[in-house]
Amino acid sequence: MPWNETGLSKFGDPIRKPYRVAFSVEATDGGYICDVHPAFACYISHLLTSE
């Protein structure tokens, strides 16, 4: 996972879309593993739960 120099600044504002998104999808024997950057997951969660 890419971190910037401060490490936690990408978690600052969950409403604002992260400027750099990191994710990967790997095929496994029984399906897929999807690894999503926490800042992007927080942003998507906010979009899905806001009214």
Protein backbone atom coordinates (compact mmCIF):
# COMPACT_ATOMS: atom_id res chain seq x y z
CA MET A 1 0.00 0.00 0.00
CA PRO A 2 1.42 3.38 -0.90
CA TRP A 3 1.80 5.79 2.00
CA ASN A 4 2.85 9.39 1.74
CA GLU A 5 5.50 10.93 3.95
CA THR A 6 3.16 11.61 6.88
CA GLY A 7 1.54 8.19 6.71
CA LEU A 8 -1.91 9.18 7.97
CA SER A 9 -2.79 12.26 5.91
CA LYS A 10 -4.80 10.19 3.43
CA PHE A 11 -7.30 9.43 6.21
CA GLY A 12 -8.00 13.10 6.92
CA ASP A 13 -11.33 13.89 5.24
CA PRO A 14 -13.55 10.92 4.26
CA ILE A 15 -15.89 13.18 2.29
CA ARG A 16 -13.20 14.28 -0.15
CA LYS A 17 -12.22 11.79 -2.85
CA PRO A 18 -8.61 10.62 -2.40
CA TYR A 19 -6.35 12.01 -5.12
CA ARG A 20 -4.50 8.72 -5.47
CA VAL A 21 -6.27 5.39 -5.20
CA ALA A 22 -4.46 2.09 -4.74
CA PHE A 23 -6.13 -1.25 -5.19
CA SER A 24 -5.32 -4.71 -6.44
CA VAL A 25 -7.31 -7.77 -7.39
CA GLU A 26 -5.76 -11.22 -7.25
CA ALA A 27 -7.30 -14.48 -8.46
CA THR A 28 -7.25 -17.31 -5.94
CA ASP A 29 -8.35 -20.92 -6.07
CA GLY A 30 -11.84 -20.14 -4.77
CA GLY A 31 -12.41 -16.64 -6.16
CA TYR A 32 -10.75 -13.24 -5.85
CA ILE A 33 -9.04 -11.13 -3.22
CA CYS A 34 -9.56 -7.38 -3.55
CA ASP A 35 -7.23 -5.07 -1.62
CA VAL A 36 -8.49 -1.47 -1.47
CA HIS A 37 -6.69 1.50 0.08
CA PRO A 38 -8.41 2.48 3.36
CA ALA A 39 -8.92 6.10 2.26
CA PHE A 40 -10.82 4.95 -0.84
CA ALA A 41 -12.90 2.49 1.21
CA CYS A 42 -13.79 5.29 3.63
CA TYR A 43 -14.79 7.58 0.73
CA ILE A 44 -17.03 4.89 -0.84
CA SER A 45 -18.57 4.12 2.55
CA HIS A 46 -19.40 7.79 3.01
CA LEU A 47 -21.01 7.96 -0.45
CA LEU A 48 -23.16 4.91 0.24
CA THR A 49 -24.31 6.04 3.69
CA SER A 50 -24.95 9.74 3.05
CA GLU A 51 -28.49 10.89 2.33
